[in-house]
Amino acid sequence: MRVPRPQGAEFEKKNAGDLRGELDTKEENKAFAEKFSFNFPLLCDTTREMGLKYGAADSKTEGFAKRAGVVIGPDGKIREYLAKVDASAYPSEVLERI
């Protein structure tokens, strides 16, 4: 079961954000976020462009995204990239490193 991420305030204290990319439409993501009471943004990547760039998708026809972790600095540069993460544990793990 997915639950809201309680770390939202911790990200704010560190002037950071927590978001997630999904391969679904805006409407599908909205319903998904409401169903599980997500308290973080879901990015819509229906073209798979972001997924392909960050290694979360292997093709434009990919059905499901892999769970990759990316830390982007305030300058827009990638500071950390992990090709495989546990989506439920990653927010707490990354908070310890930023």
N, C-alpha and C. Protein backbone atom coordinates (compact mmCIF):
# COMPACT_ATOMS: atom_id res chain seq x y z
N MET A 1 0.83 -1.19 0.00
CA MET A 1 0.00 0.00 0.00
C MET A 1 0.87 1.24 0.00
N ARG A 2 0.49 2.21 -0.79
CA ARG A 2 1.25 3.46 -0.85
C ARG A 2 0.62 4.47 0.09
N VAL A 3 1.46 5.25 0.73
CA VAL A 3 0.98 6.25 1.67
C VAL A 3 1.66 7.57 1.38
N PRO A 4 1.11 8.69 1.88
CA PRO A 4 1.77 9.98 1.69
C PRO A 4 3.17 9.96 2.28
N ARG A 5 4.04 10.71 1.69
CA ARG A 5 5.40 10.79 2.22
C ARG A 5 5.45 11.82 3.33
N PRO A 6 5.76 11.40 4.54
CA PRO A 6 5.76 12.33 5.66
C PRO A 6 6.96 13.28 5.66
N GLN A 7 7.88 13.08 4.73
CA GLN A 7 9.11 13.87 4.72
C GLN A 7 8.96 15.24 4.06
N GLY A 8 7.76 15.61 3.64
CA GLY A 8 7.59 16.88 2.92
C GLY A 8 8.19 18.07 3.65
N ALA A 9 7.93 18.17 4.94
CA ALA A 9 8.47 19.29 5.73
C ALA A 9 9.99 19.23 5.80
N GLU A 10 10.54 18.02 5.86
CA GLU A 10 12.00 17.88 5.91
C GLU A 10 12.65 18.35 4.60
N PHE A 11 12.00 18.05 3.48
CA PHE A 11 12.51 18.56 2.20
C PHE A 11 12.47 20.08 2.18
N GLU A 12 11.37 20.66 2.67
CA GLU A 12 11.23 22.12 2.71
C GLU A 12 12.32 22.76 3.56
N LYS A 13 12.64 22.16 4.71
CA LYS A 13 13.69 22.69 5.58
C LYS A 13 15.04 22.74 4.86
N LYS A 14 15.24 21.82 3.93
CA LYS A 14 16.51 21.76 3.19
C LYS A 14 16.41 22.46 1.84
N ASN A 15 15.32 23.24 1.67
CA ASN A 15 15.09 23.95 0.41
C ASN A 15 15.14 23.00 -0.78
N ALA A 16 14.50 21.86 -0.61
CA ALA A 16 14.48 20.83 -1.64
C ALA A 16 13.03 20.41 -1.91
N GLY A 17 12.84 19.62 -2.93
CA GLY A 17 11.51 19.14 -3.26
C GLY A 17 11.52 17.65 -3.52
N ASP A 18 10.35 17.07 -3.51
CA ASP A 18 10.18 15.64 -3.75
C ASP A 18 9.10 15.52 -4.81
N LEU A 19 9.42 14.90 -5.92
CA LEU A 19 8.42 14.68 -6.95
C LEU A 19 8.67 13.36 -7.62
N ARG A 20 7.71 12.95 -8.44
CA ARG A 20 7.80 11.64 -9.06
C ARG A 20 7.30 11.74 -10.49
N GLY A 21 8.01 11.10 -11.39
CA GLY A 21 7.60 11.05 -12.78
C GLY A 21 6.82 9.77 -13.06
N GLU A 22 5.74 9.91 -13.79
CA GLU A 22 4.90 8.77 -14.17
C GLU A 22 4.66 8.81 -15.67
N LEU A 23 4.41 7.68 -16.28
CA LEU A 23 4.19 7.60 -17.72
C LEU A 23 2.72 7.80 -18.09
N ASP A 24 1.92 8.21 -17.14
CA ASP A 24 0.48 8.32 -17.34
C ASP A 24 0.05 9.75 -17.69
N THR A 25 -1.22 9.89 -18.07
CA THR A 25 -1.78 11.19 -18.41
C THR A 25 -2.04 12.01 -17.15
N LYS A 26 -2.32 13.27 -17.34
CA LYS A 26 -2.62 14.16 -16.23
C LYS A 26 -3.84 13.65 -15.44
N GLU A 27 -4.85 13.21 -16.15
CA GLU A 27 -6.07 12.71 -15.50
C GLU A 27 -5.79 11.44 -14.71
N GLU A 28 -5.02 10.52 -15.29
CA GLU A 28 -4.67 9.28 -14.60
C GLU A 28 -3.83 9.57 -13.36
N ASN A 29 -2.86 10.49 -13.48
CA ASN A 29 -2.03 10.84 -12.33
C ASN A 29 -2.84 11.51 -11.24
N LYS A 30 -3.78 12.36 -11.62
CA LYS A 30 -4.62 13.02 -10.63
C LYS A 30 -5.42 11.98 -9.83
N ALA A 31 -6.03 11.04 -10.53
CA ALA A 31 -6.81 9.99 -9.86
C ALA A 31 -5.91 9.13 -8.97
N PHE A 32 -4.73 8.79 -9.46
CA PHE A 32 -3.76 7.99 -8.71
C PHE A 32 -3.34 8.71 -7.43
N ALA A 33 -3.00 10.00 -7.55
CA ALA A 33 -2.57 10.79 -6.40
C ALA A 33 -3.70 10.92 -5.38
N GLU A 34 -4.91 11.13 -5.85
CA GLU A 34 -6.05 11.25 -4.93
C GLU A 34 -6.35 9.93 -4.24
N LYS A 35 -6.27 8.84 -4.98
CA LYS A 35 -6.55 7.52 -4.41
C LYS A 35 -5.62 7.20 -3.25
N PHE A 36 -4.34 7.56 -3.39
CA PHE A 36 -3.35 7.23 -2.36
C PHE A 36 -2.95 8.42 -1.50
N SER A 37 -3.67 9.54 -1.63
CA SER A 37 -3.41 10.76 -0.83
C SER A 37 -1.97 11.23 -0.92
N PHE A 38 -1.40 11.20 -2.11
CA PHE A 38 -0.02 11.67 -2.28
C PHE A 38 0.06 13.16 -1.95
N ASN A 39 1.12 13.55 -1.28
CA ASN A 39 1.34 14.95 -0.92
C ASN A 39 2.58 15.49 -1.63
N PHE A 40 2.82 15.02 -2.84
CA PHE A 40 3.94 15.48 -3.66
C PHE A 40 3.48 15.43 -5.12
N PRO A 41 4.12 16.22 -5.98
CA PRO A 41 3.69 16.28 -7.38
C PRO A 41 4.05 15.04 -8.19
N LEU A 42 3.19 14.71 -9.13
CA LEU A 42 3.45 13.66 -10.11
C LEU A 42 3.64 14.34 -11.46
N LEU A 43 4.77 14.10 -12.09
CA LEU A 43 5.03 14.65 -13.42
C LEU A 43 4.50 13.69 -14.47
N CYS A 44 3.83 14.20 -15.48
CA CYS A 44 3.28 13.38 -16.56
C CYS A 44 4.31 13.28 -17.68
N ASP A 45 4.69 12.07 -18.00
CA ASP A 45 5.68 11.82 -19.05
C ASP A 45 5.09 10.88 -20.09
N THR A 46 4.01 11.31 -20.71
CA THR A 46 3.32 10.44 -21.67
C THR A 46 4.14 10.17 -22.92
N THR A 47 5.09 11.04 -23.24
CA THR A 47 5.94 10.83 -24.42
C THR A 47 7.16 9.97 -24.09
N ARG A 48 7.37 9.70 -22.81
CA ARG A 48 8.51 8.92 -22.29
C ARG A 48 9.84 9.67 -22.44
N GLU A 49 9.80 10.94 -22.82
CA GLU A 49 11.03 11.71 -23.04
C GLU A 49 11.88 11.78 -21.77
N MET A 50 11.26 12.13 -20.65
CA MET A 50 12.00 12.22 -19.39
C MET A 50 12.47 10.83 -18.96
N GLY A 51 11.60 9.83 -19.09
CA GLY A 51 11.96 8.47 -18.72
C GLY A 51 13.15 7.96 -19.51
N LEU A 52 13.18 8.26 -20.79
CA LEU A 52 14.31 7.84 -21.64
C LEU A 52 15.60 8.55 -21.23
N LYS A 53 15.51 9.84 -20.95
CA LYS A 53 16.70 10.61 -20.56
C LYS A 53 17.28 10.18 -19.22
N TYR A 54 16.41 9.81 -18.29
CA TYR A 54 16.86 9.44 -16.95
C TYR A 54 16.94 7.94 -16.72
N GLY A 55 16.75 7.15 -17.77
CA GLY A 55 16.90 5.70 -17.64
C GLY A 55 15.74 4.97 -17.00
N ALA A 56 14.60 5.63 -16.88
CA ALA A 56 13.44 4.99 -16.28
C ALA A 56 12.59 4.25 -17.32
N ALA A 57 12.88 4.49 -18.59
CA ALA A 57 12.18 3.80 -19.68
C ALA A 57 13.21 3.43 -20.74
N ASP A 58 13.01 2.29 -21.37
CA ASP A 58 13.92 1.84 -22.42
C ASP A 58 13.44 2.20 -23.82
N SER A 59 12.14 2.51 -23.95
CA SER A 59 11.60 2.84 -25.26
C SER A 59 10.38 3.75 -25.09
N LYS A 60 9.93 4.34 -26.19
CA LYS A 60 8.75 5.21 -26.16
C LYS A 60 7.46 4.42 -25.97
N THR A 61 7.54 3.11 -26.04
CA THR A 61 6.36 2.28 -25.85
C THR A 61 6.35 1.58 -24.48
N GLU A 62 7.31 1.93 -23.65
CA GLU A 62 7.43 1.34 -22.31
C GLU A 62 6.10 1.46 -21.56
N GLY A 63 5.66 0.38 -20.94
CA GLY A 63 4.40 0.39 -20.21
C GLY A 63 4.52 0.90 -18.79
N PHE A 64 5.63 0.57 -18.13
CA PHE A 64 5.84 0.97 -16.75
C PHE A 64 7.23 1.56 -16.59
N ALA A 65 7.34 2.57 -15.75
CA ALA A 65 8.64 3.20 -15.49
C ALA A 65 9.42 2.39 -14.47
N LYS A 66 10.73 2.33 -14.66
CA LYS A 66 11.61 1.78 -13.62
C LYS A 66 11.74 2.85 -12.54
N ARG A 67 12.05 2.45 -11.36
CA ARG A 67 12.20 3.39 -10.26
C ARG A 67 13.65 3.82 -10.14
N ALA A 68 13.97 4.96 -10.74
CA ALA A 68 15.30 5.55 -10.66
C ALA A 68 15.24 6.73 -9.71
N GLY A 69 16.36 7.08 -9.13
CA GLY A 69 16.44 8.23 -8.24
C GLY A 69 17.40 9.26 -8.79
N VAL A 70 16.96 10.51 -8.82
CA VAL A 70 17.79 11.58 -9.35
C VAL A 70 17.73 12.75 -8.38
N VAL A 71 18.90 13.27 -8.02
CA VAL A 71 18.98 14.49 -7.22
C VAL A 71 19.51 15.57 -8.14
N ILE A 72 18.72 16.63 -8.29
CA ILE A 72 19.10 17.75 -9.15
C ILE A 72 19.37 18.95 -8.24
N GLY A 73 20.53 19.56 -8.40
CA GLY A 73 20.90 20.70 -7.58
C GLY A 73 20.19 21.97 -7.97
N PRO A 74 20.34 23.02 -7.17
CA PRO A 74 19.68 24.29 -7.46
C PRO A 74 20.15 24.90 -8.78
N ASP A 75 21.31 24.46 -9.26
CA ASP A 75 21.83 24.96 -10.53
C ASP A 75 21.30 24.17 -11.72
N GLY A 76 20.44 23.17 -11.46
CA GLY A 76 19.86 22.36 -12.52
C GLY A 76 20.73 21.19 -12.95
N LYS A 77 21.88 21.00 -12.32
CA LYS A 77 22.78 19.90 -12.67
C LYS A 77 22.49 18.67 -11.81
N ILE A 78 22.64 17.51 -12.42
CA ILE A 78 22.43 16.26 -11.70
C ILE A 78 23.55 16.06 -10.69
N ARG A 79 23.18 15.87 -9.44
CA ARG A 79 24.15 15.66 -8.35
C ARG A 79 24.29 14.19 -8.02
N GLU A 80 23.23 13.43 -8.24
CA GLU A 80 23.25 12.00 -7.92
C GLU A 80 22.27 11.29 -8.84
N TYR A 81 22.67 10.11 -9.29
CA TYR A 81 21.77 9.29 -10.10
C TYR A 81 21.90 7.85 -9.64
N LEU A 82 20.78 7.23 -9.33
CA LEU A 82 20.74 5.82 -8.96
C LEU A 82 19.78 5.14 -9.93
N ALA A 83 20.26 4.13 -10.66
CA ALA A 83 19.47 3.48 -11.69
C ALA A 83 18.31 2.67 -11.12
N LYS A 84 18.38 2.29 -9.86
CA LYS A 84 17.31 1.50 -9.26
C LYS A 84 17.17 1.90 -7.80
N VAL A 85 15.95 2.26 -7.42
CA VAL A 85 15.69 2.62 -6.02
C VAL A 85 14.38 1.98 -5.57
N ASP A 86 14.23 1.87 -4.27
CA ASP A 86 12.96 1.47 -3.66
C ASP A 86 12.17 2.77 -3.49
N ALA A 87 11.09 2.92 -4.23
CA ALA A 87 10.34 4.17 -4.25
C ALA A 87 9.84 4.60 -2.87
N SER A 88 9.55 3.65 -2.00
CA SER A 88 9.06 4.03 -0.67
C SER A 88 10.19 4.42 0.28
N ALA A 89 11.39 3.87 0.10
CA ALA A 89 12.52 4.16 1.00
C ALA A 89 13.36 5.34 0.51
N TYR A 90 13.37 5.59 -0.79
CA TYR A 90 14.28 6.58 -1.37
C TYR A 90 14.14 7.98 -0.78
N PRO A 91 12.94 8.52 -0.55
CA PRO A 91 12.87 9.88 0.01
C PRO A 91 13.62 10.02 1.33
N SER A 92 13.47 9.08 2.24
CA SER A 92 14.19 9.15 3.53
C SER A 92 15.70 9.00 3.33
N GLU A 93 16.07 8.10 2.42
CA GLU A 93 17.50 7.88 2.16
C GLU A 93 18.15 9.13 1.58
N VAL A 94 17.48 9.77 0.65
CA VAL A 94 18.09 10.94 0.02
C VAL A 94 18.14 12.12 0.99
N LEU A 95 17.16 12.22 1.88
CA LEU A 95 17.19 13.30 2.87
C LEU A 95 18.44 13.24 3.74
N GLU A 96 18.94 12.04 3.99
CA GLU A 96 20.15 11.89 4.79
C GLU A 96 21.40 12.41 4.06
N ARG A 97 21.33 12.48 2.72
CA ARG A 97 22.51 12.86 1.93
C ARG A 97 22.49 14.30 1.44
N ILE A 98 21.35 14.96 1.50
CA ILE A 98 21.34 16.33 0.97
C ILE A 98 21.43 17.36 2.07
